[in-house]
Amino acid sequence: AASGSIFRLTAPGWYRQAPGKERELVAGIP
């Protein structure tokens, strides 16, 4: 949830980072 703003969150995405690995894109809405 985006808080502290009345403006819309755009281009939302989920990333993940496993131990010893780089952060990677899991899913997104361009």
mmCIF file of all heavy atoms, coordinates in Angstrom:
data_MODEL
# 
_entry.id   MODEL 
# 
loop_
_atom_site.group_PDB 
_atom_site.id 
_atom_site.type_symbol 
_atom_site.label_atom_id 
_atom_site.label_alt_id 
_atom_site.label_comp_id 
_atom_site.label_asym_id 
_atom_site.label_entity_id 
_atom_site.label_seq_id 
_atom_site.pdbx_PDB_ins_code 
_atom_site.Cartn_x 
_atom_site.Cartn_y 
_atom_site.Cartn_z 
_atom_site.occupancy 
_atom_site.B_iso_or_equiv 
_atom_site.pdbx_formal_charge 
_atom_site.auth_seq_id 
_atom_site.auth_comp_id 
_atom_site.auth_asym_id 
_atom_site.auth_atom_id 
_atom_site.pdbx_PDB_model_num 
ATOM 1   N N   . ALA A 1 1  ? 0.829  -1.197  0.000   1.00 0.00 ? 1  ALA A N   1 
ATOM 2   C CA  . ALA A 1 1  ? 0.000  0.000   0.000   1.00 0.00 ? 1  ALA A CA  1 
ATOM 3   C C   . ALA A 1 1  ? 0.867  1.251   0.000   1.00 0.00 ? 1  ALA A C   1 
ATOM 4   O O   . ALA A 1 1  ? 1.813  1.366   0.789   1.00 0.00 ? 1  ALA A O   1 
ATOM 5   C CB  . ALA A 1 1  ? -0.913 -0.001  1.227   1.00 0.00 ? 1  ALA A CB  1 
ATOM 6   N N   . ALA A 1 2  ? 0.521  2.185   -0.880  1.00 0.00 ? 2  ALA A N   1 
ATOM 7   C CA  . ALA A 1 2  ? 1.215  3.475   -0.923  1.00 0.00 ? 2  ALA A CA  1 
ATOM 8   C C   . ALA A 1 2  ? 0.532  4.424   0.047   1.00 0.00 ? 2  ALA A C   1 
ATOM 9   O O   . ALA A 1 2  ? -0.677 4.640   -0.039  1.00 0.00 ? 2  ALA A O   1 
ATOM 10  C CB  . ALA A 1 2  ? 1.189  4.045   -2.332  1.00 0.00 ? 2  ALA A CB  1 
ATOM 11  N N   . SER A 1 3  ? 1.294  4.978   0.957   1.00 0.00 ? 3  SER A N   1 
ATOM 12  C CA  . SER A 1 3  ? 0.727  5.918   1.914   1.00 0.00 ? 3  SER A CA  1 
ATOM 13  C C   . SER A 1 3  ? 1.463  7.247   1.834   1.00 0.00 ? 3  SER A C   1 
ATOM 14  O O   . SER A 1 3  ? 2.581  7.319   1.337   1.00 0.00 ? 3  SER A O   1 
ATOM 15  C CB  . SER A 1 3  ? 0.840  5.357   3.341   1.00 0.00 ? 3  SER A CB  1 
ATOM 16  O OG  . SER A 1 3  ? 2.195  5.229   3.718   1.00 0.00 ? 3  SER A OG  1 
ATOM 17  N N   . GLY A 1 4  ? 0.809  8.296   2.302   1.00 0.00 ? 4  GLY A N   1 
ATOM 18  C CA  . GLY A 1 4  ? 1.449  9.613   2.336   1.00 0.00 ? 4  GLY A CA  1 
ATOM 19  C C   . GLY A 1 4  ? 1.341  10.385  1.048   1.00 0.00 ? 4  GLY A C   1 
ATOM 20  O O   . GLY A 1 4  ? 1.991  11.429  0.893   1.00 0.00 ? 4  GLY A O   1 
ATOM 21  N N   . SER A 1 5  ? 0.542  9.907   0.091   1.00 0.00 ? 5  SER A N   1 
ATOM 22  C CA  . SER A 1 5  ? 0.393  10.634  -1.168  1.00 0.00 ? 5  SER A CA  1 
ATOM 23  C C   . SER A 1 5  ? -1.018 10.464  -1.690  1.00 0.00 ? 5  SER A C   1 
ATOM 24  O O   . SER A 1 5  ? -1.588 9.387   -1.602  1.00 0.00 ? 5  SER A O   1 
ATOM 25  C CB  . SER A 1 5  ? 1.390  10.122  -2.203  1.00 0.00 ? 5  SER A CB  1 
ATOM 26  O OG  . SER A 1 5  ? 1.162  10.752  -3.461  1.00 0.00 ? 5  SER A OG  1 
ATOM 27  N N   . ILE A 1 6  ? -1.546 11.537  -2.270  1.00 0.00 ? 6  ILE A N   1 
ATOM 28  C CA  . ILE A 1 6  ? -2.858 11.435  -2.887  1.00 0.00 ? 6  ILE A CA  1 
ATOM 29  C C   . ILE A 1 6  ? -2.732 11.085  -4.362  1.00 0.00 ? 6  ILE A C   1 
ATOM 30  O O   . ILE A 1 6  ? -3.727 10.881  -5.044  1.00 0.00 ? 6  ILE A O   1 
ATOM 31  C CB  . ILE A 1 6  ? -3.639 12.767  -2.755  1.00 0.00 ? 6  ILE A CB  1 
ATOM 32  C CG1 . ILE A 1 6  ? -2.889 13.906  -3.481  1.00 0.00 ? 6  ILE A CG1 1 
ATOM 33  C CG2 . ILE A 1 6  ? -3.868 13.112  -1.284  1.00 0.00 ? 6  ILE A CG2 1 
ATOM 34  C CD1 . ILE A 1 6  ? -3.665 15.191  -3.568  1.00 0.00 ? 6  ILE A CD1 1 
ATOM 35  N N   . PHE A 1 7  ? -1.494 11.000  -4.837  1.00 0.00 ? 7  PHE A N   1 
ATOM 36  C CA  . PHE A 1 7  ? -1.260 10.732  -6.251  1.00 0.00 ? 7  PHE A CA  1 
ATOM 37  C C   . PHE A 1 7  ? -1.104 9.231   -6.495  1.00 0.00 ? 7  PHE A C   1 
ATOM 38  O O   . PHE A 1 7  ? -0.655 8.488   -5.649  1.00 0.00 ? 7  PHE A O   1 
ATOM 39  C CB  . PHE A 1 7  ? -0.017 11.484  -6.729  1.00 0.00 ? 7  PHE A CB  1 
ATOM 40  C CG  . PHE A 1 7  ? -0.163 12.967  -6.625  1.00 0.00 ? 7  PHE A CG  1 
ATOM 41  C CD1 . PHE A 1 7  ? 0.425  13.656  -5.567  1.00 0.00 ? 7  PHE A CD1 1 
ATOM 42  C CD2 . PHE A 1 7  ? -0.903 13.677  -7.549  1.00 0.00 ? 7  PHE A CD2 1 
ATOM 43  C CE1 . PHE A 1 7  ? 0.280  15.022  -5.443  1.00 0.00 ? 7  PHE A CE1 1 
ATOM 44  C CE2 . PHE A 1 7  ? -1.048 15.045  -7.441  1.00 0.00 ? 7  PHE A CE2 1 
ATOM 45  C CZ  . PHE A 1 7  ? -0.465 15.719  -6.377  1.00 0.00 ? 7  PHE A CZ  1 
ATOM 46  N N   . ARG A 1 8  ? -1.463 8.821   -7.700  1.00 0.00 ? 8  ARG A N   1 
ATOM 47  C CA  . ARG A 1 8  ? -1.517 7.414   -8.018  1.00 0.00 ? 8  ARG A CA  1 
ATOM 48  C C   . ARG A 1 8  ? -0.134 6.802   -8.180  1.00 0.00 ? 8  ARG A C   1 
ATOM 49  O O   . ARG A 1 8  ? 0.755  7.390   -8.784  1.00 0.00 ? 8  ARG A O   1 
ATOM 50  C CB  . ARG A 1 8  ? -2.328 7.189   -9.289  1.00 0.00 ? 8  ARG A CB  1 
ATOM 51  C CG  . ARG A 1 8  ? -2.701 5.742   -9.532  1.00 0.00 ? 8  ARG A CG  1 
ATOM 52  C CD  . ARG A 1 8  ? -3.601 5.613   -10.747 1.00 0.00 ? 8  ARG A CD  1 
ATOM 53  N NE  . ARG A 1 8  ? -2.863 5.780   -11.990 1.00 0.00 ? 8  ARG A NE  1 
ATOM 54  C CZ  . ARG A 1 8  ? -3.425 5.653   -13.186 1.00 0.00 ? 8  ARG A CZ  1 
ATOM 55  N NH1 . ARG A 1 8  ? -4.705 5.409   -13.291 1.00 0.00 ? 8  ARG A NH1 1 
ATOM 56  N NH2 . ARG A 1 8  ? -2.697 5.813   -14.268 1.00 0.00 ? 8  ARG A NH2 1 
ATOM 57  N N   . LEU A 1 9  ? -0.009 5.595   -7.651  1.00 0.00 ? 9  LEU A N   1 
ATOM 58  C CA  . LEU A 1 9  ? 1.187  4.789   -7.848  1.00 0.00 ? 9  LEU A CA  1 
ATOM 59  C C   . LEU A 1 9  ? 1.147  4.221   -9.260  1.00 0.00 ? 9  LEU A C   1 
ATOM 60  O O   . LEU A 1 9  ? 0.155  3.598   -9.652  1.00 0.00 ? 9  LEU A O   1 
ATOM 61  C CB  . LEU A 1 9  ? 1.205  3.661   -6.816  1.00 0.00 ? 9  LEU A CB  1 
ATOM 62  C CG  . LEU A 1 9  ? 2.387  2.702   -6.859  1.00 0.00 ? 9  LEU A CG  1 
ATOM 63  C CD1 . LEU A 1 9  ? 3.646  3.396   -6.380  1.00 0.00 ? 9  LEU A CD1 1 
ATOM 64  C CD2 . LEU A 1 9  ? 2.098  1.485   -6.011  1.00 0.00 ? 9  LEU A CD2 1 
ATOM 65  N N   . THR A 1 10 ? 2.201  4.446   -10.031 1.00 0.00 ? 10 THR A N   1 
ATOM 66  C CA  . THR A 1 10 ? 2.232  3.949   -11.405 1.00 0.00 ? 10 THR A CA  1 
ATOM 67  C C   . THR A 1 10 ? 3.374  2.943   -11.578 1.00 0.00 ? 10 THR A C   1 
ATOM 68  O O   . THR A 1 10 ? 4.287  2.859   -10.752 1.00 0.00 ? 10 THR A O   1 
ATOM 69  C CB  . THR A 1 10 ? 2.424  5.102   -12.403 1.00 0.00 ? 10 THR A CB  1 
ATOM 70  O OG1 . THR A 1 10 ? 3.664  5.770   -12.125 1.00 0.00 ? 10 THR A OG1 1 
ATOM 71  C CG2 . THR A 1 10 ? 1.276  6.101   -12.305 1.00 0.00 ? 10 THR A CG2 1 
ATOM 72  N N   . ALA A 1 11 ? 3.283  2.198   -12.694 1.00 0.00 ? 11 ALA A N   1 
ATOM 73  C CA  . ALA A 1 11 ? 4.286  1.189   -13.040 1.00 0.00 ? 11 ALA A CA  1 
ATOM 74  C C   . ALA A 1 11 ? 4.634  0.301   -11.842 1.00 0.00 ? 11 ALA A C   1 
ATOM 75  O O   . ALA A 1 11 ? 5.818  0.124   -11.508 1.00 0.00 ? 11 ALA A O   1 
ATOM 76  C CB  . ALA A 1 11 ? 5.552  1.851   -13.583 1.00 0.00 ? 11 ALA A CB  1 
ATOM 77  N N   . PRO A 1 12 ? 3.641  -0.261  -11.162 1.00 0.00 ? 12 PRO A N   1 
ATOM 78  C CA  . PRO A 1 12 ? 3.941  -1.092  -9.992  1.00 0.00 ? 12 PRO A CA  1 
ATOM 79  C C   . PRO A 1 12 ? 4.635  -2.384  -10.386 1.00 0.00 ? 12 PRO A C   1 
ATOM 80  O O   . PRO A 1 12 ? 4.409  -2.927  -11.466 1.00 0.00 ? 12 PRO A O   1 
ATOM 81  C CB  . PRO A 1 12 ? 2.560  -1.374  -9.395  1.00 0.00 ? 12 PRO A CB  1 
ATOM 82  C CG  . PRO A 1 12 ? 1.641  -1.314  -10.564 1.00 0.00 ? 12 PRO A CG  1 
ATOM 83  C CD  . PRO A 1 12 ? 2.181  -0.239  -11.450 1.00 0.00 ? 12 PRO A CD  1 
ATOM 84  N N   . GLY A 1 13 ? 5.487  -2.860  -9.492  1.00 0.00 ? 13 GLY A N   1 
ATOM 85  C CA  . GLY A 1 13 ? 6.191  -4.102  -9.755  1.00 0.00 ? 13 GLY A CA  1 
ATOM 86  C C   . GLY A 1 13 ? 6.587  -4.785  -8.470  1.00 0.00 ? 13 GLY A C   1 
ATOM 87  O O   . GLY A 1 13 ? 6.660  -4.160  -7.407  1.00 0.00 ? 13 GLY A O   1 
ATOM 88  N N   . TRP A 1 14 ? 6.828  -6.071  -8.581  1.00 0.00 ? 14 TRP A N   1 
ATOM 89  C CA  . TRP A 1 14 ? 7.339  -6.880  -7.474  1.00 0.00 ? 14 TRP A CA  1 
ATOM 90  C C   . TRP A 1 14 ? 8.694  -7.452  -7.871  1.00 0.00 ? 14 TRP A C   1 
ATOM 91  O O   . TRP A 1 14 ? 8.845  -7.982  -8.979  1.00 0.00 ? 14 TRP A O   1 
ATOM 92  C CB  . TRP A 1 14 ? 6.376  -8.016  -7.143  1.00 0.00 ? 14 TRP A CB  1 
ATOM 93  C CG  . TRP A 1 14 ? 5.116  -7.567  -6.474  1.00 0.00 ? 14 TRP A CG  1 
ATOM 94  C CD1 . TRP A 1 14 ? 3.922  -7.294  -7.072  1.00 0.00 ? 14 TRP A CD1 1 
ATOM 95  C CD2 . TRP A 1 14 ? 4.922  -7.334  -5.079  1.00 0.00 ? 14 TRP A CD2 1 
ATOM 96  N NE1 . TRP A 1 14 ? 3.000  -6.905  -6.135  1.00 0.00 ? 14 TRP A NE1 1 
ATOM 97  C CE2 . TRP A 1 14 ? 3.587  -6.922  -4.898  1.00 0.00 ? 14 TRP A CE2 1 
ATOM 98  C CE3 . TRP A 1 14 ? 5.750  -7.439  -3.958  1.00 0.00 ? 14 TRP A CE3 1 
ATOM 99  C CZ2 . TRP A 1 14 ? 3.052  -6.615  -3.646  1.00 0.00 ? 14 TRP A CZ2 1 
ATOM 100 C CZ3 . TRP A 1 14 ? 5.223  -7.132  -2.713  1.00 0.00 ? 14 TRP A CZ3 1 
ATOM 101 C CH2 . TRP A 1 14 ? 3.890  -6.729  -2.564  1.00 0.00 ? 14 TRP A CH2 1 
ATOM 102 N N   . TYR A 1 15 ? 9.625  -7.374  -6.946  1.00 0.00 ? 15 TYR A N   1 
ATOM 103 C CA  . TYR A 1 15 ? 10.962 -7.913  -7.135  1.00 0.00 ? 15 TYR A CA  1 
ATOM 104 C C   . TYR A 1 15 ? 11.246 -8.873  -5.983  1.00 0.00 ? 15 TYR A C   1 
ATOM 105 O O   . TYR A 1 15 ? 10.570 -8.825  -4.956  1.00 0.00 ? 15 TYR A O   1 
ATOM 106 C CB  . TYR A 1 15 ? 12.005 -6.790  -7.121  1.00 0.00 ? 15 TYR A CB  1 
ATOM 107 C CG  . TYR A 1 15 ? 11.948 -5.874  -8.320  1.00 0.00 ? 15 TYR A CG  1 
ATOM 108 C CD1 . TYR A 1 15 ? 10.921 -4.946  -8.474  1.00 0.00 ? 15 TYR A CD1 1 
ATOM 109 C CD2 . TYR A 1 15 ? 12.935 -5.907  -9.304  1.00 0.00 ? 15 TYR A CD2 1 
ATOM 110 C CE1 . TYR A 1 15 ? 10.864 -4.106  -9.574  1.00 0.00 ? 15 TYR A CE1 1 
ATOM 111 C CE2 . TYR A 1 15 ? 12.900 -5.064  -10.401 1.00 0.00 ? 15 TYR A CE2 1 
ATOM 112 C CZ  . TYR A 1 15 ? 11.860 -4.168  -10.528 1.00 0.00 ? 15 TYR A CZ  1 
ATOM 113 O OH  . TYR A 1 15 ? 11.824 -3.325  -11.610 1.00 0.00 ? 15 TYR A OH  1 
ATOM 114 N N   . ARG A 1 16 ? 12.279 -9.673  -6.157  1.00 0.00 ? 16 ARG A N   1 
ATOM 115 C CA  . ARG A 1 16 ? 12.703 -10.526 -5.051  1.00 0.00 ? 16 ARG A CA  1 
ATOM 116 C C   . ARG A 1 16 ? 14.220 -10.685 -5.071  1.00 0.00 ? 16 ARG A C   1 
ATOM 117 O O   . ARG A 1 16 ? 14.854 -10.544 -6.107  1.00 0.00 ? 16 ARG A O   1 
ATOM 118 C CB  . ARG A 1 16 ? 12.028 -11.896 -5.103  1.00 0.00 ? 16 ARG A CB  1 
ATOM 119 C CG  . ARG A 1 16 ? 12.450 -12.776 -6.267  1.00 0.00 ? 16 ARG A CG  1 
ATOM 120 C CD  . ARG A 1 16 ? 11.610 -14.046 -6.288  1.00 0.00 ? 16 ARG A CD  1 
ATOM 121 N NE  . ARG A 1 16 ? 11.983 -14.923 -7.404  1.00 0.00 ? 16 ARG A NE  1 
ATOM 122 C CZ  . ARG A 1 16 ? 11.305 -16.021 -7.731  1.00 0.00 ? 16 ARG A CZ  1 
ATOM 123 N NH1 . ARG A 1 16 ? 10.222 -16.383 -7.032  1.00 0.00 ? 16 ARG A NH1 1 
ATOM 124 N NH2 . ARG A 1 16 ? 11.712 -16.765 -8.738  1.00 0.00 ? 16 ARG A NH2 1 
ATOM 125 N N   . GLN A 1 17 ? 14.733 -10.975 -3.879  1.00 0.00 ? 17 GLN A N   1 
ATOM 126 C CA  . GLN A 1 17 ? 16.173 -11.184 -3.753  1.00 0.00 ? 17 GLN A CA  1 
ATOM 127 C C   . GLN A 1 17 ? 16.411 -12.348 -2.809  1.00 0.00 ? 17 GLN A C   1 
ATOM 128 O O   . GLN A 1 17 ? 16.042 -12.288 -1.625  1.00 0.00 ? 17 GLN A O   1 
ATOM 129 C CB  . GLN A 1 17 ? 16.871 -9.929  -3.235  1.00 0.00 ? 17 GLN A CB  1 
ATOM 130 C CG  . GLN A 1 17 ? 18.377 -10.024 -3.242  1.00 0.00 ? 17 GLN A CG  1 
ATOM 131 C CD  . GLN A 1 17 ? 19.053 -8.690  -3.065  1.00 0.00 ? 17 GLN A CD  1 
ATOM 132 O OE1 . GLN A 1 17 ? 18.450 -7.710  -2.609  1.00 0.00 ? 17 GLN A OE1 1 
ATOM 133 N NE2 . GLN A 1 17 ? 20.314 -8.598  -3.440  1.00 0.00 ? 17 GLN A NE2 1 
ATOM 134 N N   . ALA A 1 18 ? 17.011 -13.393 -3.350  1.00 0.00 ? 18 ALA A N   1 
ATOM 135 C CA  . ALA A 1 18 ? 17.369 -14.566 -2.554  1.00 0.00 ? 18 ALA A CA  1 
ATOM 136 C C   . ALA A 1 18 ? 18.794 -14.394 -2.038  1.00 0.00 ? 18 ALA A C   1 
ATOM 137 O O   . ALA A 1 18 ? 19.584 -13.632 -2.622  1.00 0.00 ? 18 ALA A O   1 
ATOM 138 C CB  . ALA A 1 18 ? 17.255 -15.824 -3.397  1.00 0.00 ? 18 ALA A CB  1 
ATOM 139 N N   . PRO A 1 19 ? 19.157 -15.098 -0.975  1.00 0.00 ? 19 PRO A N   1 
ATOM 140 C CA  . PRO A 1 19 ? 20.510 -14.975 -0.426  1.00 0.00 ? 19 PRO A CA  1 
ATOM 141 C C   . PRO A 1 19 ? 21.570 -15.273 -1.483  1.00 0.00 ? 19 PRO A C   1 
ATOM 142 O O   . PRO A 1 19 ? 21.489 -16.272 -2.190  1.00 0.00 ? 19 PRO A O   1 
ATOM 143 C CB  . PRO A 1 19 ? 20.527 -16.019 0.693   1.00 0.00 ? 19 PRO A CB  1 
ATOM 144 C CG  . PRO A 1 19 ? 19.108 -16.152 1.104   1.00 0.00 ? 19 PRO A CG  1 
ATOM 145 C CD  . PRO A 1 19 ? 18.314 -15.977 -0.154  1.00 0.00 ? 19 PRO A CD  1 
ATOM 146 N N   . GLY A 1 20 ? 22.535 -14.380 -1.603  1.00 0.00 ? 20 GLY A N   1 
ATOM 147 C CA  . GLY A 1 20 ? 23.623 -14.571 -2.545  1.00 0.00 ? 20 GLY A CA  1 
ATOM 148 C C   . GLY A 1 20 ? 23.278 -14.288 -3.992  1.00 0.00 ? 20 GLY A C   1 
ATOM 149 O O   . GLY A 1 20 ? 24.112 -14.511 -4.879  1.00 0.00 ? 20 GLY A O   1 
ATOM 150 N N   . LYS A 1 21 ? 22.058 -13.805 -4.232  1.00 0.00 ? 21 LYS A N   1 
ATOM 151 C CA  . LYS A 1 21 ? 21.643 -13.525 -5.610  1.00 0.00 ? 21 LYS A CA  1 
ATOM 152 C C   . LYS A 1 21 ? 21.269 -12.059 -5.764  1.00 0.00 ? 21 LYS A C   1 
ATOM 153 O O   . LYS A 1 21 ? 20.990 -11.360 -4.785  1.00 0.00 ? 21 LYS A O   1 
ATOM 154 C CB  . LYS A 1 21 ? 20.462 -14.415 -5.995  1.00 0.00 ? 21 LYS A CB  1 
ATOM 155 C CG  . LYS A 1 21 ? 20.806 -15.892 -6.062  1.00 0.00 ? 21 LYS A CG  1 
ATOM 156 C CD  . LYS A 1 21 ? 19.639 -16.691 -6.627  1.00 0.00 ? 21 LYS A CD  1 
ATOM 157 C CE  . LYS A 1 21 ? 19.995 -18.156 -6.766  1.00 0.00 ? 21 LYS A CE  1 
ATOM 158 N NZ  . LYS A 1 21 ? 18.880 -18.946 -7.342  1.00 0.00 ? 21 LYS A NZ  1 
ATOM 159 N N   . GLU A 1 22 ? 21.230 -11.616 -7.008  1.00 0.00 ? 22 GLU A N   1 
ATOM 160 C CA  . GLU A 1 22 ? 20.827 -10.246 -7.284  1.00 0.00 ? 22 GLU A CA  1 
ATOM 161 C C   . GLU A 1 22 ? 19.297 -10.115 -7.237  1.00 0.00 ? 22 GLU A C   1 
ATOM 162 O O   . GLU A 1 22 ? 18.578 -11.096 -7.434  1.00 0.00 ? 22 GLU A O   1 
ATOM 163 C CB  . GLU A 1 22 ? 21.343 -9.823  -8.665  1.00 0.00 ? 22 GLU A CB  1 
ATOM 164 C CG  . GLU A 1 22 ? 22.849 -9.729  -8.743  1.00 0.00 ? 22 GLU A CG  1 
ATOM 165 C CD  . GLU A 1 22 ? 23.324 -9.128  -10.060 1.00 0.00 ? 22 GLU A CD  1 
ATOM 166 O OE1 . GLU A 1 22 ? 22.498 -8.894  -10.950 1.00 0.00 ? 22 GLU A OE1 1 
ATOM 167 O OE2 . GLU A 1 22 ? 24.543 -8.889  -10.181 1.00 0.00 ? 22 GLU A OE2 1 
ATOM 168 N N   . ARG A 1 23 ? 18.850 -8.898  -6.995  1.00 0.00 ? 23 ARG A N   1 
ATOM 169 C CA  . ARG A 1 23 ? 17.415 -8.634  -7.009  1.00 0.00 ? 23 ARG A CA  1 
ATOM 170 C C   . ARG A 1 23 ? 16.907 -8.809  -8.435  1.00 0.00 ? 23 ARG A C   1 
ATOM 171 O O   . ARG A 1 23 ? 17.526 -8.336  -9.390  1.00 0.00 ? 23 ARG A O   1 
ATOM 172 C CB  . ARG A 1 23 ? 17.132 -7.224  -6.503  1.00 0.00 ? 23 ARG A CB  1 
ATOM 173 C CG  . ARG A 1 23 ? 15.677 -6.936  -6.234  1.00 0.00 ? 23 ARG A CG  1 
ATOM 174 C CD  . ARG A 1 23 ? 15.494 -5.583  -5.564  1.00 0.00 ? 23 ARG A CD  1 
ATOM 175 N NE  . ARG A 1 23 ? 16.139 -5.520  -4.253  1.00 0.00 ? 23 ARG A NE  1 
ATOM 176 C CZ  . ARG A 1 23 ? 15.978 -4.506  -3.415  1.00 0.00 ? 23 ARG A CZ  1 
ATOM 177 N NH1 . ARG A 1 23 ? 15.200 -3.479  -3.736  1.00 0.00 ? 23 ARG A NH1 1 
ATOM 178 N NH2 . ARG A 1 23 ? 16.603 -4.523  -2.255  1.00 0.00 ? 23 ARG A NH2 1 
ATOM 179 N N   . GLU A 1 24 ? 15.753 -9.467  -8.584  1.00 0.00 ? 24 GLU A N   1 
ATOM 180 C CA  . GLU A 1 24 ? 15.197 -9.721  -9.905  1.00 0.00 ? 24 GLU A CA  1 
ATOM 181 C C   . GLU A 1 24 ? 13.726 -9.322  -9.952  1.00 0.00 ? 24 GLU A C   1 
ATOM 182 O O   . GLU A 1 24 ? 13.008 -9.385  -8.943  1.00 0.00 ? 24 GLU A O   1 
ATOM 183 C CB  . GLU A 1 24 ? 15.323 -11.210 -10.274 1.00 0.00 ? 24 GLU A CB  1 
ATOM 184 C CG  . GLU A 1 24 ? 14.554 -12.148 -9.373  1.00 0.00 ? 24 GLU A CG  1 
ATOM 185 C CD  . GLU A 1 24 ? 14.579 -13.589 -9.851  1.00 0.00 ? 24 GLU A CD  1 
ATOM 186 O OE1 . GLU A 1 24 ? 15.083 -13.869 -10.952 1.00 0.00 ? 24 GLU A OE1 1 
ATOM 187 O OE2 . GLU A 1 24 ? 14.063 -14.451 -9.104  1.00 0.00 ? 24 GLU A OE2 1 
ATOM 188 N N   . LEU A 1 25 ? 13.300 -8.928  -11.142 1.00 0.00 ? 25 LEU A N   1 
ATOM 189 C CA  . LEU A 1 25 ? 11.894 -8.606  -11.356 1.00 0.00 ? 25 LEU A CA  1 
ATOM 190 C C   . LEU A 1 25 ? 11.082 -9.887  -11.371 1.00 0.00 ? 25 LEU A C   1 
ATOM 191 O O   . LEU A 1 25 ? 11.410 -10.835 -12.086 1.00 0.00 ? 25 LEU A O   1 
ATOM 192 C CB  . LEU A 1 25 ? 11.708 -7.855  -12.675 1.00 0.00 ? 25 LEU A CB  1 
ATOM 193 C CG  . LEU A 1 25 ? 10.259 -7.553  -13.072 1.00 0.00 ? 25 LEU A CG  1 
ATOM 194 C CD1 . LEU A 1 25 ? 9.639  -6.549  -12.107 1.00 0.00 ? 25 LEU A CD1 1 
ATOM 195 C CD2 . LEU A 1 25 ? 10.207 -7.037  -14.501 1.00 0.00 ? 25 LEU A CD2 1 
ATOM 196 N N   . VAL A 1 26 ? 10.014 -9.910  -10.590 1.00 0.00 ? 26 VAL A N   1 
ATOM 197 C CA  . VAL A 1 26 ? 9.104  -11.058 -10.559 1.00 0.00 ? 26 VAL A CA  1 
ATOM 198 C C   . VAL A 1 26 ? 7.888  -10.786 -11.437 1.00 0.00 ? 26 VAL A C   1 
ATOM 199 O O   . VAL A 1 26 ? 7.498  -11.615 -12.249 1.00 0.00 ? 26 VAL A O   1 
ATOM 200 C CB  . VAL A 1 26 ? 8.652  -11.345 -9.114  1.00 0.00 ? 26 VAL A CB  1 
ATOM 201 C CG1 . VAL A 1 26 ? 7.616  -12.466 -9.085  1.00 0.00 ? 26 VAL A CG1 1 
ATOM 202 C CG2 . VAL A 1 26 ? 9.842  -11.698 -8.240  1.00 0.00 ? 26 VAL A CG2 1 
ATOM 203 N N   . ALA A 1 27 ? 7.279  -9.622  -11.274 1.00 0.00 ? 27 ALA A N   1 
ATOM 204 C CA  . ALA A 1 27 ? 6.071  -9.286  -12.019 1.00 0.00 ? 27 ALA A CA  1 
ATOM 205 C C   . ALA A 1 27 ? 5.928  -7.776  -12.047 1.00 0.00 ? 27 ALA A C   1 
ATOM 206 O O   . ALA A 1 27 ? 6.329  -7.084  -11.106 1.00 0.00 ? 27 ALA A O   1 
ATOM 207 C CB  . ALA A 1 27 ? 4.843  -9.916  -11.375 1.00 0.00 ? 27 ALA A CB  1 
ATOM 208 N N   . GLY A 1 28 ? 5.326  -7.265  -13.115 1.00 0.00 ? 28 GLY A N   1 
ATOM 209 C CA  . GLY A 1 28 ? 5.147  -5.828  -13.219 1.00 0.00 ? 28 GLY A CA  1 
ATOM 210 C C   . GLY A 1 28 ? 3.971  -5.456  -14.089 1.00 0.00 ? 28 GLY A C   1 
ATOM 211 O O   . GLY A 1 28 ? 3.486  -6.255  -14.888 1.00 0.00 ? 28 GLY A O   1 
ATOM 212 N N   . ILE A 1 29 ? 3.499  -4.227  -13.871 1.00 0.00 ? 29 ILE A N   1 
ATOM 213 C CA  . ILE A 1 29 ? 2.455  -3.641  -14.714 1.00 0.00 ? 29 ILE A CA  1 
ATOM 214 C C   . ILE A 1 29 ? 3.080  -2.389  -15.320 1.00 0.00 ? 29 ILE A C   1 
ATOM 215 O O   . ILE A 1 29 ? 3.107  -1.324  -14.700 1.00 0.00 ? 29 ILE A O   1 
ATOM 216 C CB  . ILE A 1 29 ? 1.202  -3.283  -13.898 1.00 0.00 ? 29 ILE A CB  1 
ATOM 217 C CG1 . ILE A 1 29 ? 0.653  -4.525  -13.198 1.00 0.00 ? 29 ILE A CG1 1 
ATOM 218 C CG2 . ILE A 1 29 ? 0.135  -2.672  -14.800 1.00 0.00 ? 29 ILE A CG2 1 
ATOM 219 C CD1 . ILE A 1 29 ? -0.543 -4.258  -12.293 1.00 0.00 ? 29 ILE A CD1 1 
ATOM 220 N N   . PRO A 1 30 ? 3.581  -2.482  -16.543 1.00 0.00 ? 30 PRO A N   1 
ATOM 221 C CA  . PRO A 1 30 ? 4.242  -1.329  -17.176 1.00 0.00 ? 30 PRO A CA  1 
ATOM 222 C C   . PRO A 1 30 ? 3.273  -0.166  -17.359 1.00 0.00 ? 30 PRO A C   1 
ATOM 223 O O   . PRO A 1 30 ? 2.053  -0.358  -17.423 1.00 0.00 ? 30 PRO A O   1 
ATOM 224 C CB  . PRO A 1 30 ? 4.701  -1.880  -18.525 1.00 0.00 ? 30 PRO A CB  1 
ATOM 225 C CG  . PRO A 1 30 ? 4.710  -3.369  -18.362 1.00 0.00 ? 30 PRO A CG  1 
ATOM 226 C CD  . PRO A 1 30 ? 3.629  -3.682  -17.390 1.00 0.00 ? 30 PRO A CD  1 
# 
